[in-house]
PDB file of N, CA and C in Angstrom:
ATOM      1  N   UNK A   1       4.018 -19.905   0.148  1.00  0.00           N
ATOM      2  CA  UNK A   1       3.024 -20.332   1.122  1.00  0.00           C
ATOM      3  C   UNK A   1       2.825 -21.839   1.007  1.00  0.00           C
ATOM      4  N   UNK A   2       2.844 -22.477   2.113  1.00  0.00           N
ATOM      5  CA  UNK A   2       2.621 -23.922   2.108  1.00  0.00           C
ATOM      6  C   UNK A   2       1.169 -24.250   1.736  1.00  0.00           C
ATOM      7  N   UNK A   3       0.244 -23.435   2.165  1.00  0.00           N
ATOM      8  CA  UNK A   3      -1.170 -23.707   1.888  1.00  0.00           C
ATOM      9  C   UNK A   3      -1.449 -23.656   0.394  1.00  0.00           C
ATOM     10  N   UNK A   4      -0.820 -22.725  -0.315  1.00  0.00           N
ATOM     11  CA  UNK A   4      -1.010 -22.619  -1.760  1.00  0.00           C
ATOM     12  C   UNK A   4      -0.483 -23.864  -2.458  1.00  0.00           C
ATOM     13  N   UNK A   5       0.627 -24.363  -1.989  1.00  0.00           N
ATOM     14  CA  UNK A   5       1.209 -25.571  -2.574  1.00  0.00           C
ATOM     15  C   UNK A   5       0.302 -26.776  -2.334  1.00  0.00           C
ATOM     16  N   UNK A   6      -0.297 -26.836  -1.140  1.00  0.00           N
ATOM     17  CA  UNK A   6      -1.204 -27.952  -0.845  1.00  0.00           C
ATOM     18  C   UNK A   6      -2.420 -27.921  -1.758  1.00  0.00           C
ATOM     19  N   UNK A   7      -2.953 -26.732  -2.015  1.00  0.00           N
ATOM     20  CA  UNK A   7      -4.110 -26.616  -2.905  1.00  0.00           C
ATOM     21  C   UNK A   7      -3.747 -27.103  -4.297  1.00  0.00           C
ATOM     22  N   UNK A   8      -2.582 -26.698  -4.780  1.00  0.00           N
ATOM     23  CA  UNK A   8      -2.210 -27.050  -6.149  1.00  0.00           C
ATOM     24  C   UNK A   8      -1.939 -28.548  -6.307  1.00  0.00           C
ATOM     25  N   UNK A   9      -1.629 -29.226  -5.229  1.00  0.00           N
ATOM     26  CA  UNK A   9      -1.332 -30.664  -5.315  1.00  0.00           C
ATOM     27  C   UNK A   9      -2.550 -31.555  -5.115  1.00  0.00           C
ATOM     28  N   UNK A  10      -3.662 -30.972  -4.747  1.00  0.00           N
ATOM     29  CA  UNK A  10      -4.880 -31.764  -4.546  1.00  0.00           C
ATOM     30  C   UNK A  10      -5.611 -31.964  -5.874  1.00  0.00           C
ATOM     31  N   UNK A  11      -6.414 -33.039  -5.934  1.00  0.00           N
ATOM     32  CA  UNK A  11      -7.239 -33.276  -7.121  1.00  0.00           C
ATOM     33  C   UNK A  11      -8.329 -32.220  -7.208  1.00  0.00           C
ATOM     34  N   UNK A  12      -8.652 -31.853  -8.432  1.00  0.00           N
ATOM     35  CA  UNK A  12      -9.542 -30.712  -8.676  1.00  0.00           C
ATOM     36  C   UNK A  12     -10.906 -30.810  -7.984  1.00  0.00           C
ATOM     37  N   UNK A  13     -11.522 -31.942  -7.948  1.00  0.00           N
ATOM     38  CA  UNK A  13     -12.886 -32.018  -7.415  1.00  0.00           C
ATOM     39  C   UNK A  13     -12.958 -32.745  -6.076  1.00  0.00           C
ATOM     40  N   UNK A  14     -11.881 -32.800  -5.327  1.00  0.00           N
ATOM     41  CA  UNK A  14     -11.889 -33.558  -4.070  1.00  0.00           C
ATOM     42  C   UNK A  14     -12.278 -32.665  -2.894  1.00  0.00           C
ATOM     43  N   UNK A  15     -12.750 -33.322  -1.855  1.00  0.00           N
ATOM     44  CA  UNK A  15     -13.105 -32.608  -0.627  1.00  0.00           C
ATOM     45  C   UNK A  15     -11.852 -32.080   0.061  1.00  0.00           C
ATOM     46  N   UNK A  16     -10.745 -32.796  -0.058  1.00  0.00           N
ATOM     47  CA  UNK A  16      -9.489 -32.337   0.554  1.00  0.00           C
ATOM     48  C   UNK A  16      -9.029 -31.027  -0.086  1.00  0.00           C
ATOM     49  N   UNK A  17      -9.273 -30.874  -1.392  1.00  0.00           N
ATOM     50  CA  UNK A  17      -8.923 -29.621  -2.063  1.00  0.00           C
ATOM     51  C   UNK A  17      -9.799 -28.470  -1.553  1.00  0.00           C
ATOM     52  N   UNK A  18     -11.095 -28.756  -1.337  1.00  0.00           N
ATOM     53  CA  UNK A  18     -11.990 -27.719  -0.820  1.00  0.00           C
ATOM     54  C   UNK A  18     -11.545 -27.255   0.566  1.00  0.00           C
ATOM     55  N   UNK A  19     -11.129 -28.200   1.413  1.00  0.00           N
ATOM     56  CA  UNK A  19     -10.645 -27.852   2.750  1.00  0.00           C
ATOM     57  C   UNK A  19      -9.347 -27.054   2.668  1.00  0.00           C
ATOM     58  N   UNK A  20      -8.476 -27.442   1.749  1.00  0.00           N
ATOM     59  CA  UNK A  20      -7.207 -26.725   1.578  1.00  0.00           C
ATOM     60  C   UNK A  20      -7.468 -25.300   1.083  1.00  0.00           C
ATOM     61  N   UNK A  21      -8.466 -25.146   0.211  1.00  0.00           N
ATOM     62  CA  UNK A  21      -8.826 -23.815  -0.298  1.00  0.00           C
ATOM     63  C   UNK A  21      -9.355 -22.943   0.841  1.00  0.00           C
ATOM     64  N   UNK A  22     -10.148 -23.535   1.728  1.00  0.00           N
ATOM     65  CA  UNK A  22     -10.668 -22.776   2.868  1.00  0.00           C
ATOM     66  C   UNK A  22      -9.533 -22.319   3.788  1.00  0.00           C
ATOM     67  N   UNK A  23      -8.562 -23.207   4.032  1.00  0.00           N
ATOM     68  CA  UNK A  23      -7.403 -22.840   4.857  1.00  0.00           C
ATOM     69  C   UNK A  23      -6.610 -21.709   4.209  1.00  0.00           C
ATOM     70  N   UNK A  24      -6.417 -21.815   2.909  1.00  0.00           N
ATOM     71  CA  UNK A  24      -5.689 -20.784   2.172  1.00  0.00           C
ATOM     72  C   UNK A  24      -6.423 -19.449   2.254  1.00  0.00           C
ATOM     73  N   UNK A  25      -7.738 -19.489   2.133  1.00  0.00           N
ATOM     74  CA  UNK A  25      -8.535 -18.270   2.234  1.00  0.00           C
ATOM     75  C   UNK A  25      -8.398 -17.613   3.597  1.00  0.00           C
ATOM     76  N   UNK A  26      -8.362 -18.421   4.656  1.00  0.00           N
ATOM     77  CA  UNK A  26      -8.190 -17.881   6.009  1.00  0.00           C
ATOM     78  C   UNK A  26      -6.835 -17.198   6.153  1.00  0.00           C
ATOM     79  N   UNK A  27      -5.795 -17.811   5.562  1.00  0.00           N
ATOM     80  CA  UNK A  27      -4.461 -17.205   5.636  1.00  0.00           C
ATOM     81  C   UNK A  27      -4.415 -15.886   4.882  1.00  0.00           C
ATOM     82  N   UNK A  28      -5.018 -15.845   3.699  1.00  0.00           N
ATOM     83  CA  UNK A  28      -5.042 -14.611   2.917  1.00  0.00           C
ATOM     84  C   UNK A  28      -5.820 -13.516   3.655  1.00  0.00           C
ATOM     85  N   UNK A  29      -6.933 -13.900   4.280  1.00  0.00           N
ATOM     86  CA  UNK A  29      -7.738 -12.928   5.027  1.00  0.00           C
ATOM     87  C   UNK A  29      -6.953 -12.380   6.205  1.00  0.00           C
ATOM     88  N   UNK A  30      -6.208 -13.221   6.895  1.00  0.00           N
ATOM     89  CA  UNK A  30      -5.421 -12.774   8.039  1.00  0.00           C
ATOM     90  C   UNK A  30      -4.355 -11.767   7.608  1.00  0.00           C
ATOM     91  N   UNK A  31      -3.682 -12.045   6.498  1.00  0.00           N
ATOM     92  CA  UNK A  31      -2.661 -11.132   5.986  1.00  0.00           C
ATOM     93  C   UNK A  31      -3.298  -9.803   5.583  1.00  0.00           C
ATOM     94  N   UNK A  32      -4.426  -9.872   4.894  1.00  0.00           N
ATOM     95  CA  UNK A  32      -5.113  -8.651   4.443  1.00  0.00           C
ATOM     96  C   UNK A  32      -5.589  -7.818   5.637  1.00  0.00           C
ATOM     97  N   UNK A  33      -6.134  -8.480   6.663  1.00  0.00           N
ATOM     98  CA  UNK A  33      -6.604  -7.765   7.846  1.00  0.00           C
ATOM     99  C   UNK A  33      -5.448  -7.116   8.594  1.00  0.00           C
ATOM    100  N   UNK A  34      -4.321  -7.809   8.684  1.00  0.00           N
ATOM    101  CA  UNK A  34      -3.141  -7.261   9.354  1.00  0.00           C
ATOM    102  C   UNK A  34      -2.625  -6.039   8.607  1.00  0.00           C
ATOM    103  N   UNK A  35      -2.565  -6.126   7.285  1.00  0.00           N
ATOM    104  CA  UNK A  35      -2.105  -5.001   6.467  1.00  0.00           C
ATOM    105  C   UNK A  35      -3.048  -3.807   6.628  1.00  0.00           C
ATOM    106  N   UNK A  36      -4.351  -4.071   6.576  1.00  0.00           N
ATOM    107  CA  UNK A  36      -5.337  -2.998   6.701  1.00  0.00           C
ATOM    108  C   UNK A  36      -5.245  -2.331   8.069  1.00  0.00           C
ATOM    109  N   UNK A  37      -5.053  -3.112   9.119  1.00  0.00           N
ATOM    110  CA  UNK A  37      -4.905  -2.570  10.466  1.00  0.00           C
ATOM    111  C   UNK A  37      -3.665  -1.672  10.546  1.00  0.00           C
ATOM    112  N   UNK A  38      -2.567  -2.118   9.936  1.00  0.00           N
ATOM    113  CA  UNK A  38      -1.347  -1.320   9.903  1.00  0.00           C
ATOM    114  C   UNK A  38      -1.572  -0.001   9.170  1.00  0.00           C
ATOM    115  N   UNK A  39      -2.310  -0.041   8.069  1.00  0.00           N
ATOM    116  CA  UNK A  39      -2.596   1.175   7.312  1.00  0.00           C
ATOM    117  C   UNK A  39      -3.400   2.163   8.152  1.00  0.00           C
ATOM    118  N   UNK A  40      -4.413   1.666   8.867  1.00  0.00           N
ATOM    119  CA  UNK A  40      -5.224   2.546   9.699  1.00  0.00           C
ATOM    120  C   UNK A  40      -4.393   3.166  10.822  1.00  0.00           C
ATOM    121  N   UNK A  41      -3.550   2.365  11.467  1.00  0.00           N
ATOM    122  CA  UNK A  41      -2.739   2.877  12.571  1.00  0.00           C
ATOM    123  C   UNK A  41      -1.705   3.886  12.075  1.00  0.00           C
ATOM    124  N   UNK A  42      -1.101   3.616  10.924  1.00  0.00           N
ATOM    125  CA  UNK A  42      -0.117   4.545  10.366  1.00  0.00           C
ATOM    126  C   UNK A  42      -0.785   5.853   9.947  1.00  0.00           C
ATOM    127  N   UNK A  43      -1.959   5.764   9.322  1.00  0.00           N
ATOM    128  CA  UNK A  43      -2.691   6.967   8.916  1.00  0.00           C
ATOM    129  C   UNK A  43      -3.057   7.802  10.137  1.00  0.00           C
ATOM    130  N   UNK A  44      -3.494   7.149  11.199  1.00  0.00           N
ATOM    131  CA  UNK A  44      -3.862   7.874  12.412  1.00  0.00           C
ATOM    132  C   UNK A  44      -2.648   8.572  13.004  1.00  0.00           C
ATOM    133  N   UNK A  45      -1.505   7.890  13.027  1.00  0.00           N
ATOM    134  CA  UNK A  45      -0.290   8.499  13.567  1.00  0.00           C
ATOM    135  C   UNK A  45       0.145   9.703  12.730  1.00  0.00           C
ATOM    136  N   UNK A  46       0.094   9.583  11.410  1.00  0.00           N
ATOM    137  CA  UNK A  46       0.485  10.696  10.546  1.00  0.00           C
ATOM    138  C   UNK A  46      -0.450  11.892  10.714  1.00  0.00           C
ATOM    139  N   UNK A  47      -1.750  11.622  10.739  1.00  0.00           N
ATOM    140  CA  UNK A  47      -2.725  12.706  10.844  1.00  0.00           C
ATOM    141  C   UNK A  47      -2.733  13.332  12.232  1.00  0.00           C
ATOM    142  N   UNK A  48      -2.262  12.595  13.222  1.00  0.00           N
ATOM    143  CA  UNK A  48      -2.143  13.160  14.561  1.00  0.00           C
ATOM    144  C   UNK A  48      -0.983  14.128  14.672  1.00  0.00           C
ATOM    145  N   UNK A  49       0.032  13.973  13.806  1.00  0.00           N
ATOM    146  CA  UNK A  49       1.229  14.815  13.880  1.00  0.00           C
ATOM    147  C   UNK A  49       1.262  15.942  12.857  1.00  0.00           C
ATOM    148  N   UNK A  50       0.549  15.799  11.741  1.00  0.00           N
ATOM    149  CA  UNK A  50       0.650  16.768  10.656  1.00  0.00           C
ATOM    150  C   UNK A  50      -0.733  17.219  10.195  1.00  0.00           C
ATOM    151  N   UNK A  51      -0.815  18.488   9.765  1.00  0.00           N
ATOM    152  CA  UNK A  51      -2.074  19.023   9.251  1.00  0.00           C
ATOM    153  C   UNK A  51      -2.207  18.829   7.747  1.00  0.00           C
ATOM    154  N   UNK A  52      -1.066  18.849   7.041  1.00  0.00           N
ATOM    155  CA  UNK A  52      -1.057  18.669   5.593  1.00  0.00           C
ATOM    156  C   UNK A  52      -0.049  17.572   5.269  1.00  0.00           C
ATOM    157  N   UNK A  53      -0.472  16.605   4.481  1.00  0.00           N
ATOM    158  CA  UNK A  53       0.402  15.510   4.072  1.00  0.00           C
ATOM    159  C   UNK A  53       0.436  15.474   2.549  1.00  0.00           C
ATOM    160  N   UNK A  54       1.638  15.440   1.995  1.00  0.00           N
ATOM    161  CA  UNK A  54       1.802  15.366   0.541  1.00  0.00           C
ATOM    162  C   UNK A  54       2.243  13.957   0.172  1.00  0.00           C
ATOM    163  N   UNK A  55       1.566  13.362  -0.781  1.00  0.00           N
ATOM    164  CA  UNK A  55       1.923  12.034  -1.285  1.00  0.00           C
ATOM    165  C   UNK A  55       2.180  12.137  -2.780  1.00  0.00           C
ATOM    166  N   UNK A  56       3.065  11.306  -3.267  1.00  0.00           N
ATOM    167  CA  UNK A  56       3.334  11.299  -4.699  1.00  0.00           C
ATOM    168  C   UNK A  56       2.184  10.633  -5.435  1.00  0.00           C
ATOM    169  N   UNK A  57       1.773  11.240  -6.528  1.00  0.00           N
ATOM    170  CA  UNK A  57       0.708  10.684  -7.348  1.00  0.00           C
ATOM    171  C   UNK A  57       1.336   9.644  -8.282  1.00  0.00           C
ATOM    172  N   UNK A  58       1.429   8.414  -7.817  1.00  0.00           N
ATOM    173  CA  UNK A  58       2.084   7.349  -8.577  1.00  0.00           C
ATOM    174  C   UNK A  58       1.078   6.567  -9.400  1.00  0.00           C
ATOM    175  N   UNK A  59       1.547   6.025 -10.511  1.00  0.00           N
ATOM    176  CA  UNK A  59       0.741   5.138 -11.334  1.00  0.00           C
ATOM    177  C   UNK A  59       0.887   3.723 -10.757  1.00  0.00           C
ATOM    178  N   UNK A  60       0.069   3.410  -9.787  1.00  0.00           N
ATOM    179  CA  UNK A  60       0.201   2.154  -9.058  1.00  0.00           C
ATOM    180  C   UNK A  60      -0.091   0.964  -9.965  1.00  0.00           C
ATOM    181  N   UNK A  61      -1.082   1.091 -10.839  1.00  0.00           N
ATOM    182  CA  UNK A  61      -1.387  -0.002 -11.762  1.00  0.00           C
ATOM    183  C   UNK A  61      -0.219  -0.262 -12.700  1.00  0.00           C
ATOM    184  N   UNK A  62       0.432   0.799 -13.144  1.00  0.00           N
ATOM    185  CA  UNK A  62       1.601   0.649 -14.011  1.00  0.00           C
ATOM    186  C   UNK A  62       2.766   0.013 -13.282  1.00  0.00           C
ATOM    187  N   UNK A  63       2.986   0.418 -12.023  1.00  0.00           N
ATOM    188  CA  UNK A  63       4.073  -0.165 -11.231  1.00  0.00           C
ATOM    189  C   UNK A  63       3.808  -1.639 -10.934  1.00  0.00           C
ATOM    190  N   UNK A  64       2.546  -1.998 -10.825  1.00  0.00           N
ATOM    191  CA  UNK A  64       2.185  -3.385 -10.522  1.00  0.00           C
ATOM    192  C   UNK A  64       2.452  -4.318 -11.701  1.00  0.00           C
ATOM    193  N   UNK A  65       2.818  -3.761 -12.847  1.00  0.00           N
ATOM    194  CA  UNK A  65       3.126  -4.588 -14.017  1.00  0.00           C
ATOM    195  C   UNK A  65       4.622  -4.638 -14.304  1.00  0.00           C
ATOM    196  N   UNK A  66       5.434  -4.148 -13.375  1.00  0.00           N
ATOM    197  CA  UNK A  66       6.883  -4.134 -13.567  1.00  0.00           C
ATOM    198  C   UNK A  66       7.533  -5.169 -12.652  1.00  0.00           C
ATOM    199  N   UNK A  67       8.855  -5.085 -12.527  1.00  0.00           N
ATOM    200  CA  UNK A  67       9.587  -5.978 -11.625  1.00  0.00           C
ATOM    201  C   UNK A  67       9.186  -5.765 -10.170  1.00  0.00           C
ATOM    202  N   UNK A  68       8.683  -4.575  -9.872  1.00  0.00           N
ATOM    203  CA  UNK A  68       8.299  -4.227  -8.503  1.00  0.00           C
ATOM    204  C   UNK A  68       6.898  -4.706  -8.138  1.00  0.00           C
ATOM    205  N   UNK A  69       6.267  -5.461  -9.012  1.00  0.00           N
ATOM    206  CA  UNK A  69       4.859  -5.832  -8.841  1.00  0.00           C
ATOM    207  C   UNK A  69       4.583  -6.465  -7.480  1.00  0.00           C
ATOM    208  N   UNK A  70       5.393  -7.420  -7.074  1.00  0.00           N
ATOM    209  CA  UNK A  70       5.137  -8.116  -5.816  1.00  0.00           C
ATOM    210  C   UNK A  70       5.260  -7.158  -4.634  1.00  0.00           C
ATOM    211  N   UNK A  71       6.269  -6.311  -4.652  1.00  0.00           N
ATOM    212  CA  UNK A  71       6.466  -5.348  -3.567  1.00  0.00           C
ATOM    213  C   UNK A  71       5.334  -4.335  -3.509  1.00  0.00           C
ATOM    214  N   UNK A  72       4.937  -3.830  -4.659  1.00  0.00           N
ATOM    215  CA  UNK A  72       3.876  -2.822  -4.716  1.00  0.00           C
ATOM    216  C   UNK A  72       2.569  -3.413  -4.213  1.00  0.00           C
ATOM    217  N   UNK A  73       2.237  -4.602  -4.655  1.00  0.00           N
ATOM    218  CA  UNK A  73       0.976  -5.221  -4.243  1.00  0.00           C
ATOM    219  C   UNK A  73       1.004  -5.631  -2.774  1.00  0.00           C
ATOM    220  N   UNK A  74       2.155  -6.113  -2.295  1.00  0.00           N
ATOM    221  CA  UNK A  74       2.245  -6.513  -0.889  1.00  0.00           C
ATOM    222  C   UNK A  74       2.113  -5.316   0.050  1.00  0.00           C
ATOM    223  N   UNK A  75       2.648  -4.186  -0.348  1.00  0.00           N
ATOM    224  CA  UNK A  75       2.587  -3.007   0.507  1.00  0.00           C
ATOM    225  C   UNK A  75       1.194  -2.394   0.525  1.00  0.00           C
ATOM    226  N   UNK A  76       0.429  -2.567  -0.527  1.00  0.00           N
ATOM    227  CA  UNK A  76      -0.923  -2.019  -0.579  1.00  0.00           C
ATOM    228  C   UNK A  76      -0.926  -0.498  -0.620  1.00  0.00           C
ATOM    229  N   UNK A  77      -0.122   0.092  -1.501  1.00  0.00           N
ATOM    230  CA  UNK A  77      -0.005   1.545  -1.584  1.00  0.00           C
ATOM    231  C   UNK A  77      -1.337   2.216  -1.848  1.00  0.00           C
ATOM    232  N   UNK A  78      -2.075   1.691  -2.795  1.00  0.00           N
ATOM    233  CA  UNK A  78      -3.361   2.302  -3.151  1.00  0.00           C
ATOM    234  C   UNK A  78      -4.322   2.300  -1.980  1.00  0.00           C
ATOM    235  N   UNK A  79      -4.369   1.190  -1.280  1.00  0.00           N
ATOM    236  CA  UNK A  79      -5.255   1.078  -0.127  1.00  0.00           C
ATOM    237  C   UNK A  79      -4.850   2.075   0.954  1.00  0.00           C
ATOM    238  N   UNK A  80      -3.546   2.217   1.195  1.00  0.00           N
ATOM    239  CA  UNK A  80      -3.084   3.138   2.227  1.00  0.00           C
ATOM    240  C   UNK A  80      -3.435   4.583   1.879  1.00  0.00           C
ATOM    241  N   UNK A  81      -3.218   4.978   0.633  1.00  0.00           N
ATOM    242  CA  UNK A  81      -3.511   6.355   0.232  1.00  0.00           C
ATOM    243  C   UNK A  81      -5.012   6.627   0.330  1.00  0.00           C
ATOM    244  N   UNK A  82      -5.834   5.645  -0.011  1.00  0.00           N
ATOM    245  CA  UNK A  82      -7.277   5.803   0.096  1.00  0.00           C
ATOM    246  C   UNK A  82      -7.692   5.972   1.567  1.00  0.00           C
ATOM    247  N   UNK A  83      -7.151   5.136   2.445  1.00  0.00           N
ATOM    248  CA  UNK A  83      -7.469   5.224   3.871  1.00  0.00           C
ATOM    249  C   UNK A  83      -7.000   6.565   4.438  1.00  0.00           C
ATOM    250  N   UNK A  84      -5.780   6.962   4.074  1.00  0.00           N
ATOM    251  CA  UNK A  84      -5.225   8.230   4.551  1.00  0.00           C
ATOM    252  C   UNK A  84      -6.091   9.409   4.097  1.00  0.00           C
ATOM    253  N   UNK A  85      -6.515   9.394   2.853  1.00  0.00           N
ATOM    254  CA  UNK A  85      -7.350  10.484   2.328  1.00  0.00           C
ATOM    255  C   UNK A  85      -8.701  10.542   3.030  1.00  0.00           C
ATOM    256  N   UNK A  86      -9.315   9.384   3.232  1.00  0.00           N
ATOM    257  CA  UNK A  86     -10.625   9.359   3.896  1.00  0.00           C
ATOM    258  C   UNK A  86     -10.537   9.837   5.334  1.00  0.00           C
ATOM    259  N   UNK A  87      -9.529   9.383   6.072  1.00  0.00           N
ATOM    260  CA  UNK A  87      -9.371   9.793   7.468  1.00  0.00           C
ATOM    261  C   UNK A  87      -9.044  11.283   7.567  1.00  0.00           C
ATOM    262  N   UNK A  88      -8.249  11.790   6.622  1.00  0.00           N
ATOM    263  CA  UNK A  88      -7.916  13.211   6.624  1.00  0.00           C
ATOM    264  C   UNK A  88      -9.158  14.056   6.355  1.00  0.00           C
ATOM    265  N   UNK A  89      -9.972  13.616   5.421  1.00  0.00           N
ATOM    266  CA  UNK A  89     -11.204  14.340   5.103  1.00  0.00           C
ATOM    267  C   UNK A  89     -12.133  14.384   6.310  1.00  0.00           C
ATOM    268  N   UNK A  90     -12.254  13.258   7.015  1.00  0.00           N
ATOM    269  CA  UNK A  90     -13.111  13.201   8.200  1.00  0.00           C
ATOM    270  C   UNK A  90     -12.580  14.091   9.320  1.00  0.00           C
ATOM    271  N   UNK A  91     -11.249  14.227   9.395  1.00  0.00           N
ATOM    272  CA  UNK A  91     -10.639  15.030  10.454  1.00  0.00           C
ATOM    273  C   UNK A  91     -10.496  16.498  10.050  1.00  0.00           C
ATOM    274  N   UNK A  92     -10.830  16.828   8.816  1.00  0.00           N
ATOM    275  CA  UNK A  92     -10.713  18.198   8.348  1.00  0.00           C
ATOM    276  C   UNK A  92      -9.287  18.584   7.984  1.00  0.00           C
ATOM    277  N   UNK A  93      -8.447  17.613   7.666  1.00  0.00           N
ATOM    278  CA  UNK A  93      -7.057  17.860   7.280  1.00  0.00           C
ATOM    279  C   UNK A  93      -6.899  17.655   5.778  1.00  0.00           C
ATOM    280  N   UNK A  94      -5.705  17.936   5.260  1.00  0.00           N
ATOM    281  CA  UNK A  94      -5.482  17.852   3.820  1.00  0.00           C
ATOM    282  C   UNK A  94      -4.454  16.787   3.465  1.00  0.00           C
ATOM    283  N   UNK A  95      -4.755  16.054   2.399  1.00  0.00           N
ATOM    284  CA  UNK A  95      -3.785  15.163   1.748  1.00  0.00           C
ATOM    285  C   UNK A  95      -3.685  15.640   0.311  1.00  0.00           C
ATOM    286  N   UNK A  96      -2.474  16.004  -0.088  1.00  0.00           N
ATOM    287  CA  UNK A  96      -2.247  16.568  -1.415  1.00  0.00           C
ATOM    288  C   UNK A  96      -1.452  15.570  -2.250  1.00  0.00           C
ATOM    289  N   UNK A  97      -1.937  15.296  -3.452  1.00  0.00           N
ATOM    290  CA  UNK A  97      -1.209  14.444  -4.392  1.00  0.00           C
ATOM    291  C   UNK A  97      -0.271  15.320  -5.214  1.00  0.00           C
ATOM    292  N   UNK A  98       1.023  14.968  -5.210  1.00  0.00           N
ATOM    293  CA  UNK A  98       2.047  15.765  -5.878  1.00  0.00           C
ATOM    294  C   UNK A  98       2.591  14.981  -7.062  1.00  0.00           C
ATOM    295  N   UNK A  99       2.887  15.685  -8.149  1.00  0.00           N
ATOM    296  CA  UNK A  99       3.523  15.061  -9.301  1.00  0.00           C
ATOM    297  C   UNK A  99       4.890  14.517  -8.874  1.00  0.00           C
ATOM    298  N   UNK A 100       5.185  13.242  -9.126  1.00  0.00           N
ATOM    299  CA  UNK A 100       6.433  12.649  -8.636  1.00  0.00           C
ATOM    300  C   UNK A 100       7.691  13.130  -9.352  1.00  0.00           C
ATOM    301  N   UNK A 101       7.558  13.869 -10.450  1.00  0.00           N
ATOM    302  CA  UNK A 101       8.743  14.330 -11.161  1.00  0.00           C
ATOM    303  C   UNK A 101       9.507  15.341 -10.323  1.00  0.00           C
ATOM    304  N   UNK A 102      10.743  15.009 -10.003  1.00  0.00           N
ATOM    305  CA  UNK A 102      11.615  15.935  -9.289  1.00  0.00           C
ATOM    306  C   UNK A 102      11.326  16.081  -7.810  1.00  0.00           C
ATOM    307  N   UNK A 103      10.677  15.117  -7.187  1.00  0.00           N
ATOM    308  CA  UNK A 103      10.378  15.250  -5.762  1.00  0.00           C
ATOM    309  C   UNK A 103      11.580  14.931  -4.892  1.00  0.00           C
ATOM    310  N   UNK A 104      12.563  14.242  -5.412  1.00  0.00           N
ATOM    311  CA  UNK A 104      13.761  13.953  -4.608  1.00  0.00           C
ATOM    312  C   UNK A 104      14.998  14.129  -5.476  1.00  0.00           C
ATOM    313  N   UNK A 105      15.370  15.364  -5.679  1.00  0.00           N
ATOM    314  CA  UNK A 105      16.555  15.665  -6.472  1.00  0.00           C
ATOM    315  C   UNK A 105      17.630  16.237  -5.568  1.00  0.00           C
ATOM    316  N   UNK A 106      18.860  15.816  -5.798  1.00  0.00           N
ATOM    317  CA  UNK A 106      19.976  16.349  -5.022  1.00  0.00           C
ATOM    318  C   UNK A 106      20.454  17.653  -5.645  1.00  0.00           C
ATOM    319  N   UNK A 107      20.918  18.570  -4.800  1.00  0.00           N
ATOM    320  CA  UNK A 107      21.465  19.814  -5.322  1.00  0.00           C
ATOM    321  C   UNK A 107      22.824  19.512  -5.976  1.00  0.00           C
ATOM    322  N   UNK A 108      23.368  20.482  -6.688  1.00  0.00           N
ATOM    323  CA  UNK A 108      24.591  20.242  -7.449  1.00  0.00           C
ATOM    324  C   UNK A 108      25.793  19.937  -6.569  1.00  0.00           C
ATOM    325  N   UNK A 109      25.767  20.349  -5.305  1.00  0.00           N
ATOM    326  CA  UNK A 109      26.884  20.081  -4.395  1.00  0.00           C
ATOM    327  C   UNK A 109      26.686  18.785  -3.607  1.00  0.00           C
ATOM    328  N   UNK A 110      25.620  18.076  -3.844  1.00  0.00           N
ATOM    329  CA  UNK A 110      25.268  16.842  -3.126  1.00  0.00           C
ATOM    330  C   UNK A 110      25.196  17.062  -1.619  1.00  0.00           C
ATOM    331  N   UNK A 111      24.768  18.249  -1.235  1.00  0.00           N
ATOM    332  CA  UNK A 111      24.726  18.542   0.196  1.00  0.00           C
ATOM    333  C   UNK A 111      23.364  18.228   0.815  1.00  0.00           C
ATOM    334  N   UNK A 112      22.310  18.404   0.068  1.00  0.00           N
ATOM    335  CA  UNK A 112      20.976  18.120   0.597  1.00  0.00           C
ATOM    336  C   UNK A 112      20.025  17.852  -0.563  1.00  0.00           C
ATOM    337  N   UNK A 113      18.863  17.328  -0.233  1.00  0.00           N
ATOM    338  CA  UNK A 113      17.854  17.047  -1.235  1.00  0.00           C
ATOM    339  C   UNK A 113      16.968  18.264  -1.436  1.00  0.00           C
ATOM    340  N   UNK A 114      16.665  18.561  -2.677  1.00  0.00           N
ATOM    341  CA  UNK A 114      15.788  19.668  -3.024  1.00  0.00           C
ATOM    342  C   UNK A 114      14.484  19.059  -3.522  1.00  0.00           C
ATOM    343  N   UNK A 115      13.411  19.233  -2.775  1.00  0.00           N
ATOM    344  CA  UNK A 115      12.139  18.646  -3.155  1.00  0.00           C
ATOM    345  C   UNK A 115      11.324  19.567  -4.031  1.00  0.00           C
ATOM    346  N   UNK A 116      10.251  19.062  -4.551  1.00  0.00           N
ATOM    347  CA  UNK A 116       9.332  19.858  -5.358  1.00  0.00           C
ATOM    348  C   UNK A 116       8.604  20.831  -4.469  1.00  0.00           C
ATOM    349  N   UNK A 117       8.247  21.967  -5.000  1.00  0.00           N
ATOM    350  CA  UNK A 117       7.515  22.958  -4.212  1.00  0.00           C
ATOM    351  C   UNK A 117       6.049  22.569  -4.179  1.00  0.00           C
ATOM    352  N   UNK A 118       5.418  22.784  -3.037  1.00  0.00           N
ATOM    353  CA  UNK A 118       4.012  22.466  -2.866  1.00  0.00           C
ATOM    354  C   UNK A 118       3.206  23.747  -2.932  1.00  0.00           C
ATOM    355  N   UNK A 119       2.176  23.737  -3.709  1.00  0.00           N
ATOM    356  CA  UNK A 119       1.263  24.871  -3.801  1.00  0.00           C
ATOM    357  C   UNK A 119      -0.014  24.497  -3.086  1.00  0.00           C
ATOM    358  N   UNK A 120      -0.237  25.113  -1.952  1.00  0.00           N
ATOM    359  CA  UNK A 120      -1.417  24.775  -1.139  1.00  0.00           C
ATOM    360  C   UNK A 120      -2.481  25.817  -1.343  1.00  0.00           C
TER     361      UNK A 120
END
């Protein structure tokens, strides 16, 4: 981000740094609002098509400390699952958290994927 670079190059107590920080904050807010809007629209589309949605119960905090940290945080997985769960509850639908072990395993003939069984 160019705005982040501008903030880091300004003197610590200058007015120009304060203005650069405000610009940076506006950019971060715009990105966050866009992501949140996408999450709401995607959740609405999923809940409009399905009565039960299964999501993997991932350790998001643990993933955020690995090489995938930037991708995980940029996608906002936790926020999306929270929004999806809240909207499903309001609509009277179900979101089920599934143990991620063995959710996408190939059969021995490599012909199709065998997923984990869901107990509803």
